Amino acid sequence: MAQLSLPQRCAAGFITLLLLSSTAFAQTSDADQAHQLRDAALKDGWGYQFLETLTTMGPRLAATDAEARAATWAETTLKEAGFENVHRESFPMPAWQRGRERAEVVSPSPQRLVITALGGSVATPPEGITADIVLFRVYSDLLAQAPGSLAGKIAVVTERMPRVMDGASYGAANAIRRVGPSEAAKRGAVAYLHRSLGTDNHRIAHTGATNYQDGAPRIPAAALSNPDADQLERLTARGTTKLHVLLTPTVQENAQSWSVSAEVKGSVHPEEIVLIGAHLDSWDLGTGAIDDGAGDAIVAAAGKLIAALKPHPKRTLRVVLFGGEEMNYSGAAYAKAHADEASHIVLAAESDFGARKIYAFLAPPGSATTPFIRTLADTLTPLGIFLAREPALNSGDDIVPLHAAGVPVIAMRQNGLDYFDIHHTADDTFDKIDQQELNQNIAAWVSMAYLATQSDLDFRKLATDAKQP
């Protein structure tokens, strides 16, 4: 064999070095790619622009023309962003819309109160309701009342919701709004008011859905601004207080809500789906920037960055912008429509807590020591995010029915100290969004979504194994 010249030997050595380098790169490419996506998200302005445009469209009340317009726009925008299989999915639900809302103290000292009807509330008679109030500073005191004890009265609950980092106090207080009206009606009340489920002291009221119970009369229900709840406490401490309440909401029974779905098709296992979502609808008082336009922007922007990769990750990434979440229809409707593919959804997560910084993430049960989670933790550490010790047991209302069907979840935990200052109020507007904090969220979500779609882990099996004694 002829000997190679010095230039030939140098060239051969250089080629060998390239091959060795590419082999080493292949072994760490998932981590490197996740880092690159993370860093790109921190500098990207697409998500912020997405949210700005969405909020300029105004409120997106479920099953209304406004939600339908937002869904049509989102469908077009996601197609232009490089997603595949982009489409809208409809499902039936009632379209509730608020009308006039007014409350005032009739005696002992006439004055206006700031209220807002709860989503789903029935209307008062056209002339309104005038009655004495029975005030409960703690919700459990209402529940302790005997049937008929509130006959002809307006029940008022003024229990406060504490300010906490993770927002857990909202879940604890939710029954006050959700089932309080029915509980008051069972005891004879003709209307129901509660202190807003909010942590602010501004004279704005926080709306939200109520769920009338079967077998209980349906009575008009509204939330009071927190300062007005305080005022009623002071008035009732001095004697009998009489209110006049007027609510005129309407309901269109046979309406449609819309969800928008978009995908990045997997290059190896396209039948395996990692689903990330947020909800497209909003309440009608503000423009739905933190609830949940921010979540829409976060998951859409994360998906857009992954859609630009060539080749695509191994598994399919699906981004879903759910319609009808605020009135509690979206999750069940989506799970029913996709029941036949639930077993193919390997992991799911939802962003529905505004755009403040993420400070922790919760791993799917049984996965905390896997290379996937170790790599994800290393990727998120520079963002100020740590791996929480407890596993993810939920990840947003729209995901709950999928989780109940066996779909594993992963969750991000955000700073929610001021989230409930403006949640479900007229102050939920775009100016409350900090672009850098939004981008930190996008960076975390794109890192998680990419590594999950590149992973071969069977999260279901890990969760099952984790339950074994």
Protein backbone atom coordinates (compact mmCIF):
# COMPACT_ATOMS: atom_id res chain seq x y z
CA MET A 1 0.00 0.00 0.00
CA ALA A 2 1.34 3.38 -0.97
CA GLN A 3 2.20 5.70 1.87
CA LEU A 4 0.12 8.85 2.27
CA SER A 5 1.80 12.16 1.85
CA LEU A 6 1.89 14.60 4.77
CA PRO A 7 -1.00 16.71 3.38
CA GLN A 8 -3.02 13.54 2.83
CA ARG A 9 -2.33 12.32 6.36
CA CYS A 10 -3.36 15.72 7.77
CA ALA A 11 -6.57 15.64 5.76
CA ALA A 12 -7.35 12.10 6.91
CA GLY A 13 -6.70 13.07 10.51
CA PHE A 14 -8.95 16.09 10.17
CA ILE A 15 -11.78 13.92 8.79
CA THR A 16 -11.33 11.45 11.66
CA LEU A 17 -11.49 14.33 14.15
CA LEU A 18 -14.69 15.57 12.54
CA LEU A 19 -16.26 12.12 12.79
CA LEU A 20 -15.29 11.81 16.44
CA SER A 21 -16.59 15.30 17.13
CA SER A 22 -19.89 14.58 15.42
CA THR A 23 -20.24 11.38 17.46
CA ALA A 24 -19.67 13.31 20.67
CA PHE A 25 -22.14 15.96 19.52
CA ALA A 26 -24.77 13.31 18.80
CA GLN A 27 -24.50 12.07 22.36
CA THR A 28 -25.27 15.52 23.76
CA SER A 29 -27.35 16.99 20.95
CA ASP A 30 -30.68 16.90 22.81
CA ALA A 31 -29.26 18.93 25.68
CA ASP A 32 -27.46 21.30 23.32
CA GLN A 33 -30.59 21.76 21.21
CA ALA A 34 -32.69 22.43 24.30
CA HIS A 35 -30.18 25.08 25.41
CA GLN A 36 -30.29 26.72 21.99
CA LEU A 37 -34.09 26.77 21.98
CA ARG A 38 -34.13 28.19 25.50
CA ASP A 39 -31.72 30.98 24.58
CA ALA A 40 -33.58 31.76 21.35
CA ALA A 41 -36.86 32.08 23.27
CA LEU A 42 -35.33 34.64 25.64
CA LYS A 43 -34.60 36.93 22.67
CA ASP A 44 -37.70 36.23 20.58
CA GLY A 45 -40.52 38.75 20.24
CA TRP A 46 -43.07 36.58 18.42
CA GLY A 47 -44.93 35.46 21.54
CA TYR A 48 -45.25 39.00 22.87
CA GLN A 49 -46.59 40.18 19.50
CA PHE A 50 -49.00 37.22 19.39
CA LEU A 51 -50.41 38.26 22.75
CA GLU A 52 -50.63 41.93 21.82
CA THR A 53 -52.61 41.14 18.69
CA LEU A 54 -54.87 38.69 20.51
CA THR A 55 -55.77 41.25 23.18
CA THR A 56 -56.45 44.00 20.63
CA MET A 57 -59.31 41.76 19.48
CA GLY A 58 -61.03 42.46 22.79
CA PRO A 59 -62.67 40.06 25.26
CA ARG A 60 -63.30 36.47 24.10
CA LEU A 61 -66.33 35.28 26.03
CA ALA A 62 -66.99 31.58 25.43
CA ALA A 63 -69.38 30.60 22.62
CA THR A 64 -69.75 34.16 21.35
CA ASP A 65 -68.81 35.75 18.04
CA ALA A 66 -65.78 37.27 19.77
CA GLU A 67 -64.37 33.84 20.67
CA ALA A 68 -65.08 32.60 17.13
CA ARG A 69 -63.15 35.54 15.63
CA ALA A 70 -60.21 34.84 17.92
CA ALA A 71 -60.24 31.17 16.92
CA THR A 72 -60.25 32.04 13.21
CA TRP A 73 -57.34 34.45 13.73
CA ALA A 74 -55.39 31.89 15.78
CA GLU A 75 -55.88 29.24 13.11
CA THR A 76 -54.47 31.53 10.43
CA THR A 77 -51.61 32.71 12.64
CA LEU A 78 -50.50 29.18 13.58
CA LYS A 79 -50.54 28.08 9.95
CA GLU A 80 -48.31 31.02 9.05
CA ALA A 81 -46.02 30.09 11.97
CA GLY A 82 -45.17 26.73 10.38
CA PHE A 83 -47.47 24.33 12.24
CA GLU A 84 -49.13 21.37 10.53
CA ASN A 85 -52.66 19.98 10.80
CA VAL A 86 -53.96 23.33 12.03
CA HIS A 87 -57.70 23.33 12.48
CA ARG A 88 -60.60 24.48 14.62
CA GLU A 89 -62.79 22.08 16.59
CA SER A 90 -66.27 23.09 17.74
CA PHE A 91 -68.47 21.79 20.53
CA PRO A 92 -71.89 22.86 21.83
CA MET A 93 -72.39 24.94 24.95
CA PRO A 94 -74.67 27.76 26.12
CA ALA A 95 -73.56 31.32 25.40
CA TRP A 96 -74.01 33.33 28.60
CA GLN A 97 -73.68 37.11 28.36
CA ARG A 98 -73.96 39.67 31.13
CA GLY A 99 -76.38 42.56 30.93
CA ARG A 100 -76.89 45.41 33.35
CA GLU A 101 -75.62 44.91 36.89
CA ARG A 102 -76.28 47.19 39.80
CA ALA A 103 -76.35 46.94 43.57
CA GLU A 104 -76.97 49.58 46.19
CA VAL A 105 -77.60 49.91 49.87
CA VAL A 106 -81.20 51.00 50.41
CA SER A 107 -80.89 51.42 54.17
CA PRO A 108 -79.61 52.48 56.62
CA SER A 109 -77.42 54.72 54.40
CA PRO A 110 -78.05 54.63 50.64
CA GLN A 111 -74.92 54.11 48.50
CA ARG A 112 -73.79 52.30 45.38
CA LEU A 113 -71.86 49.01 45.52
CA VAL A 114 -69.53 47.63 42.87
CA ILE A 115 -70.62 44.14 41.75
CA THR A 116 -70.33 41.88 38.73
CA ALA A 117 -72.56 38.94 37.84
CA LEU A 118 -71.11 35.45 38.13
CA GLY A 119 -70.87 33.56 34.84
CA GLY A 120 -73.98 31.46 34.41
CA SER A 121 -76.04 33.49 36.88
CA VAL A 122 -79.74 33.81 36.24
CA ALA A 123 -81.32 37.25 36.07
CA THR A 124 -83.25 39.04 38.76
CA PRO A 125 -86.84 40.06 38.02
CA PRO A 126 -86.88 43.14 35.76
CA GLU A 127 -87.42 45.41 38.74
CA GLY A 128 -84.58 43.76 40.67
CA ILE A 129 -84.61 42.34 44.19
CA THR A 130 -84.83 44.38 47.37
CA ALA A 131 -84.26 42.54 50.63
CA ASP A 132 -82.42 42.50 53.93
CA ILE A 133 -79.05 40.77 53.92
CA VAL A 134 -77.66 38.06 56.14
CA LEU A 135 -73.88 38.36 56.20
CA PHE A 136 -71.43 35.52 56.85
CA ARG A 137 -67.79 36.35 57.39
CA VAL A 138 -66.88 32.69 56.95
CA TYR A 139 -68.42 30.46 54.26
CA SER A 140 -68.80 27.55 56.67
CA ASP A 141 -71.19 29.68 58.73
CA LEU A 142 -73.53 29.80 55.73
CA LEU A 143 -73.34 26.02 55.39
CA ALA A 144 -74.25 25.68 59.07
CA GLN A 145 -77.62 27.41 58.55
CA ALA A 146 -80.80 25.35 58.60
CA PRO A 147 -83.06 24.96 55.53
CA GLY A 148 -85.44 27.89 55.29
CA SER A 149 -83.46 30.06 57.68
CA LEU A 150 -82.57 32.57 54.93
CA ALA A 151 -86.07 32.80 53.42
CA GLY A 152 -86.53 36.09 51.60
CA LYS A 153 -83.00 37.29 52.40
CA ILE A 154 -79.94 38.13 50.32
CA ALA A 155 -77.05 35.94 51.50
CA VAL A 156 -73.65 37.67 51.57
CA VAL A 157 -70.36 35.84 52.20
CA THR A 158 -67.31 38.02 52.92
CA GLU A 159 -64.63 35.41 53.59
CA ARG A 160 -61.19 36.64 52.46
CA MET A 161 -58.85 34.84 50.09
CA PRO A 162 -55.21 34.89 51.33
CA ARG A 163 -52.34 36.00 49.08
CA VAL A 164 -49.96 33.08 48.49
CA MET A 165 -47.17 32.40 46.00
CA ASP A 166 -48.66 29.41 44.19
CA GLY A 167 -52.30 30.57 44.18
CA ALA A 168 -53.48 27.55 46.16
CA SER A 169 -55.83 29.73 48.22
CA TYR A 170 -57.98 30.24 45.11
CA GLY A 171 -58.70 26.55 44.87
CA ALA A 172 -59.49 26.46 48.57
CA ALA A 173 -61.94 29.38 48.25
CA ASN A 174 -63.48 28.34 44.93
CA ALA A 175 -66.53 26.69 46.47
CA ILE A 176 -67.66 30.10 47.74
CA ARG A 177 -68.31 31.14 44.14
CA ARG A 178 -68.98 27.79 42.53
CA VAL A 179 -71.57 26.30 44.87
CA GLY A 180 -72.31 29.17 47.26
CA PRO A 181 -75.38 30.36 45.33
CA SER A 182 -76.98 26.90 45.43
CA GLU A 183 -76.17 26.44 49.10
CA ALA A 184 -77.75 29.81 49.88
CA ALA A 185 -80.79 28.94 47.77
CA LYS A 186 -81.27 25.66 49.65
CA ARG A 187 -81.66 27.73 52.79
CA GLY A 188 -84.22 30.06 51.20
CA ALA A 189 -82.08 33.00 50.01
CA VAL A 190 -83.44 34.99 47.06
CA ALA A 191 -80.01 36.26 45.89
CA TYR A 192 -76.34 35.70 46.67
CA LEU A 193 -73.32 38.01 46.88
CA HIS A 194 -69.77 37.10 47.85
CA ARG A 195 -66.50 38.91 48.36
CA SER A 196 -64.52 38.65 45.12
CA LEU A 197 -62.03 35.82 44.95
CA GLY A 198 -59.19 38.29 44.65
CA THR A 199 -56.29 39.64 46.68
CA ASP A 200 -56.56 43.33 45.76
CA ASN A 201 -58.14 46.18 47.70
CA HIS A 202 -59.35 48.05 44.62
CA ARG A 203 -62.98 48.81 43.87
CA ILE A 204 -63.24 46.31 41.05
CA ALA A 205 -65.16 43.04 41.17
CA HIS A 206 -63.82 39.64 40.05
CA THR A 207 -66.21 37.53 38.00
CA GLY A 208 -66.04 33.76 37.43
CA ALA A 209 -68.38 30.87 36.79
CA THR A 210 -70.90 29.46 39.21
CA ASN A 211 -72.30 25.93 39.00
CA TYR A 212 -75.93 25.55 40.01
CA GLN A 213 -76.64 22.25 41.74
CA ASP A 214 -79.42 19.97 40.62
CA GLY A 215 -82.42 20.21 42.89
CA ALA A 216 -81.61 23.67 44.23
CA PRO A 217 -83.42 26.85 43.15
CA ARG A 218 -81.38 29.06 40.82
CA ILE A 219 -80.95 32.49 42.34
CA PRO A 220 -79.12 35.58 40.98
CA ALA A 221 -75.46 35.63 42.03
CA ALA A 222 -72.72 38.26 41.88
CA ALA A 223 -69.30 39.14 43.27
CA LEU A 224 -68.64 42.26 45.35
CA SER A 225 -65.50 44.33 45.13
CA ASN A 226 -63.38 43.73 48.22
CA PRO A 227 -63.79 47.28 49.62
CA ASP A 228 -67.56 46.97 49.24
CA ALA A 229 -67.53 43.66 51.08
CA ASP A 230 -65.69 45.46 53.88
CA GLN A 231 -68.32 48.19 53.83
CA LEU A 232 -71.14 45.67 54.22
CA GLU A 233 -69.33 44.15 57.19
CA ARG A 234 -69.22 47.57 58.84
CA LEU A 235 -72.86 48.31 58.07
CA THR A 236 -74.23 44.99 59.33
CA ALA A 237 -72.22 45.35 62.53
CA ARG A 238 -74.39 48.43 63.19
CA GLY A 239 -77.75 46.83 62.42
CA THR A 240 -80.08 45.66 59.66
CA THR A 241 -78.92 46.39 56.10
CA LYS A 242 -81.19 46.31 53.06
CA LEU A 243 -79.90 46.02 49.45
CA HIS A 244 -81.34 46.38 45.98
CA VAL A 245 -79.75 44.11 43.34
CA LEU A 246 -80.39 44.11 39.58
CA LEU A 247 -78.83 41.61 37.14
CA THR A 248 -79.99 41.10 33.54
CA PRO A 249 -77.81 38.38 31.94
CA THR A 250 -79.07 36.36 28.98
CA VAL A 251 -78.33 32.85 27.69
CA GLN A 252 -78.37 31.44 24.16
CA GLU A 253 -78.70 27.70 24.69
CA ASN A 254 -77.62 26.30 21.32
CA ALA A 255 -74.29 28.00 20.74
CA GLN A 256 -70.82 26.74 19.76
CA SER A 257 -67.39 27.19 21.28
CA TRP A 258 -64.13 26.72 19.40
CA SER A 259 -60.75 25.21 20.19
CA VAL A 260 -57.73 25.51 17.89
CA SER A 261 -55.27 22.65 17.42
CA ALA A 262 -51.88 22.70 15.68
CA GLU A 263 -49.07 20.15 15.42
CA VAL A 264 -45.40 19.61 14.76
CA LYS A 265 -45.42 16.08 13.35
CA GLY A 266 -42.97 13.66 14.92
CA SER A 267 -40.17 12.36 12.71
CA VAL A 268 -39.90 8.89 14.32
CA HIS A 269 -43.00 8.26 16.43
CA PRO A 270 -45.65 10.61 15.00
CA GLU A 271 -48.41 8.61 16.72
CA GLU A 272 -47.02 9.58 20.16
CA ILE A 273 -48.25 13.02 21.21
CA VAL A 274 -46.93 15.56 23.69
CA LEU A 275 -49.77 18.04 24.25
CA ILE A 276 -49.25 21.56 25.55
CA GLY A 277 -52.18 23.92 25.85
CA ALA A 278 -53.82 27.06 27.18
CA HIS A 279 -57.35 28.45 26.87
CA LEU A 280 -58.38 30.88 24.19
CA ASP A 281 -61.59 32.20 25.75
CA SER A 282 -61.62 34.91 28.40
CA TRP A 283 -64.04 36.78 30.59
CA ASP A 284 -65.67 39.86 29.15
CA LEU A 285 -64.60 42.50 31.68
CA GLY A 286 -61.00 42.87 30.45
CA THR A 287 -59.14 41.61 27.38
CA GLY A 288 -57.85 38.35 28.83
CA ALA A 289 -54.13 39.14 28.83
CA ILE A 290 -53.10 37.17 31.90
CA ASP A 291 -56.08 34.79 31.75
CA ASP A 292 -55.23 33.24 29.47
CA GLY A 293 -53.80 35.13 26.51
CA ALA A 294 -50.37 34.80 28.08
CA GLY A 295 -50.73 31.03 28.17
CA ASP A 296 -51.78 31.00 24.51
CA ALA A 297 -48.71 33.03 23.58
CA ILE A 298 -46.40 30.82 25.66
CA VAL A 299 -47.41 27.49 24.17
CA ALA A 300 -47.79 28.86 20.63
CA ALA A 301 -44.35 30.53 20.70
CA ALA A 302 -42.74 27.40 22.16
CA GLY A 303 -44.32 25.29 19.43
CA LYS A 304 -43.26 27.72 16.71
CA LEU A 305 -39.59 27.40 17.71
CA ILE A 306 -39.84 23.61 17.62
CA ALA A 307 -41.67 23.67 14.27
CA ALA A 308 -38.64 25.38 12.73
CA LEU A 309 -36.33 22.46 13.59
CA LYS A 310 -35.22 20.13 10.82
CA PRO A 311 -35.68 17.29 11.32
CA HIS A 312 -38.59 17.51 13.70
CA PRO A 313 -38.31 15.84 17.11
CA LYS A 314 -39.20 12.15 17.41
CA ARG A 315 -42.69 12.58 18.85
CA THR A 316 -45.51 14.83 17.70
CA LEU A 317 -46.00 18.10 19.55
CA ARG A 318 -49.61 19.26 19.67
CA VAL A 319 -50.55 22.79 20.74
CA VAL A 320 -54.19 23.26 21.76
CA LEU A 321 -55.86 26.59 22.47
CA PHE A 322 -58.99 25.47 24.29
CA GLY A 323 -62.31 27.28 23.96
CA GLY A 324 -64.95 27.48 26.68
CA GLU A 325 -62.65 26.94 29.67
CA GLU A 326 -64.03 29.71 31.85
CA MET A 327 -67.50 28.15 31.80
CA ASN A 328 -66.07 24.65 32.42
CA TYR A 329 -66.89 23.04 29.09
CA SER A 330 -63.57 22.76 27.27
CA GLY A 331 -61.74 19.98 29.09
CA ALA A 332 -64.58 17.50 29.07
CA ALA A 333 -65.48 18.33 25.46
CA TYR A 334 -61.90 17.82 24.27
CA ALA A 335 -61.42 14.57 26.20
CA LYS A 336 -64.67 13.19 24.78
CA ALA A 337 -63.80 14.17 21.20
CA HIS A 338 -60.32 12.64 21.51
CA ALA A 339 -61.11 9.62 23.66
CA ASP A 340 -59.85 7.23 20.99
CA GLU A 341 -56.37 8.78 21.01
CA ALA A 342 -55.96 9.40 24.75
CA SER A 343 -53.66 6.38 24.99
CA HIS A 344 -51.37 8.02 22.40
CA ILE A 345 -50.98 11.26 24.39
CA VAL A 346 -47.78 10.49 26.28
CA LEU A 347 -47.61 13.73 28.26
CA ALA A 348 -49.76 16.86 28.71
CA ALA A 349 -49.41 20.29 30.30
CA GLU A 350 -51.29 23.58 30.40
CA SER A 351 -50.16 27.18 30.92
CA ASP A 352 -52.96 29.08 32.69
CA PHE A 353 -51.48 31.30 35.39
CA GLY A 354 -50.41 34.49 33.67
CA ALA A 355 -46.90 35.48 32.63
CA ARG A 356 -45.00 35.97 35.88
CA LYS A 357 -41.74 34.02 36.17
CA ILE A 358 -41.68 30.28 36.59
CA TYR A 359 -39.69 29.31 39.67
CA ALA A 360 -40.19 25.52 39.79
CA PHE A 361 -41.39 22.58 37.76
CA LEU A 362 -43.03 19.34 38.84
CA ALA A 363 -41.99 16.12 37.11
CA PRO A 364 -44.41 13.38 36.05
CA PRO A 365 -44.73 10.73 38.77
CA GLY A 366 -41.83 8.27 38.74
CA SER A 367 -39.67 10.29 36.35
CA ALA A 368 -37.64 12.50 38.69
CA THR A 369 -34.39 10.52 38.32
CA THR A 370 -34.59 9.90 34.58
CA PRO A 371 -32.16 11.46 32.07
CA PHE A 372 -35.10 13.45 30.65
CA ILE A 373 -35.75 15.23 33.94
CA ARG A 374 -32.06 15.62 34.76
CA THR A 375 -31.45 17.27 31.38
CA LEU A 376 -34.55 19.43 31.75
CA ALA A 377 -33.50 20.53 35.24
CA ASP A 378 -30.02 21.45 33.98
CA THR A 379 -31.59 23.41 31.11
CA LEU A 380 -33.98 25.33 33.36
CA THR A 381 -31.53 26.11 36.18
CA PRO A 382 -30.12 29.21 34.40
CA LEU A 383 -33.69 30.52 34.20
CA GLY A 384 -34.03 30.42 37.99
CA ILE A 385 -36.21 27.30 37.92
CA PHE A 386 -35.71 24.31 40.18
CA LEU A 387 -37.15 20.80 40.26
CA ALA A 388 -39.79 20.55 42.98
CA ARG A 389 -39.72 17.52 45.23
CA GLU A 390 -43.39 16.64 44.78
CA PRO A 391 -44.62 15.05 41.51
CA ALA A 392 -47.05 16.68 39.11
CA LEU A 393 -50.60 15.59 39.93
CA ASN A 394 -52.41 18.23 37.85
CA SER A 395 -51.58 20.76 35.16
CA GLY A 396 -54.54 22.99 34.40
CA ASP A 397 -58.31 22.61 34.20
CA ASP A 398 -58.39 21.71 30.51
CA ILE A 399 -56.03 18.79 31.17
CA VAL A 400 -57.96 17.32 34.12
CA PRO A 401 -60.25 15.03 32.05
CA LEU A 402 -57.27 13.77 30.01
CA HIS A 403 -55.35 13.12 33.22
CA ALA A 404 -58.35 11.21 34.59
CA ALA A 405 -58.20 9.08 31.42
CA GLY A 406 -54.60 8.15 32.26
CA VAL A 407 -52.57 10.84 30.48
CA PRO A 408 -49.47 11.76 32.55
CA VAL A 409 -48.85 15.45 33.24
CA ILE A 410 -45.96 17.79 33.91
CA ALA A 411 -46.41 21.21 35.52
CA MET A 412 -44.73 24.59 35.79
CA ARG A 413 -45.11 26.64 38.96
CA GLN A 414 -45.20 30.44 38.60
CA ASN A 415 -44.99 33.40 40.94
CA GLY A 416 -48.65 34.13 41.61
CA LEU A 417 -48.38 36.69 44.39
CA ASP A 418 -50.20 39.38 42.39
CA TYR A 419 -52.08 37.17 39.90
CA PHE A 420 -55.36 37.39 41.82
CA ASP A 421 -55.15 41.17 42.04
CA ILE A 422 -56.50 41.39 38.48
CA HIS A 423 -57.72 37.84 37.69
CA HIS A 424 -61.25 37.91 36.15
CA THR A 425 -61.46 41.71 36.32
CA ALA A 426 -61.59 44.70 34.01
CA ASP A 427 -57.89 45.22 34.80
CA ASP A 428 -56.81 42.05 32.95
CA THR A 429 -55.21 43.94 30.07
CA PHE A 430 -52.05 43.78 27.97
CA ASP A 431 -50.17 46.48 29.89
CA LYS A 432 -49.83 44.02 32.79
CA ILE A 433 -47.50 41.79 30.74
CA ASP A 434 -43.72 42.03 31.18
CA GLN A 435 -42.03 40.83 27.98
CA GLN A 436 -38.93 39.47 29.70
CA GLU A 437 -41.02 37.44 32.12
CA LEU A 438 -43.18 36.17 29.25
CA ASN A 439 -40.04 35.10 27.40
CA GLN A 440 -38.75 33.28 30.48
CA ASN A 441 -41.96 31.25 30.39
CA ILE A 442 -41.57 30.53 26.69
CA ALA A 443 -37.96 29.47 27.26
CA ALA A 444 -39.03 27.01 29.96
CA TRP A 445 -41.90 25.59 27.93
CA VAL A 446 -39.91 25.16 24.73
CA SER A 447 -37.17 23.36 26.67
CA MET A 448 -39.68 21.01 28.28
CA ALA A 449 -41.67 20.40 25.11
CA TYR A 450 -38.59 19.69 23.00
CA LEU A 451 -37.02 17.27 25.46
CA ALA A 452 -40.35 15.48 25.97
CA THR A 453 -40.83 15.05 22.23
CA GLN A 454 -37.27 13.74 21.90
CA SER A 455 -37.64 11.36 24.84
CA ASP A 456 -38.48 7.66 24.55
CA LEU A 457 -39.81 7.46 28.11
CA ASP A 458 -43.10 5.71 28.80
CA PHE A 459 -44.48 8.16 31.36
CA ARG A 460 -47.54 5.96 31.98
CA LYS A 461 -45.42 3.01 33.00
CA LEU A 462 -43.24 5.19 35.21
CA ALA A 463 -46.33 6.52 36.99
CA THR A 464 -47.73 3.00 37.44
CA ASP A 465 -44.42 1.71 38.76
CA ALA A 466 -44.22 4.66 41.17
CA LYS A 467 -47.53 3.58 42.74
CA GLN A 468 -46.26 0.06 43.46
CA PRO A 469 -45.40 -0.62 47.12
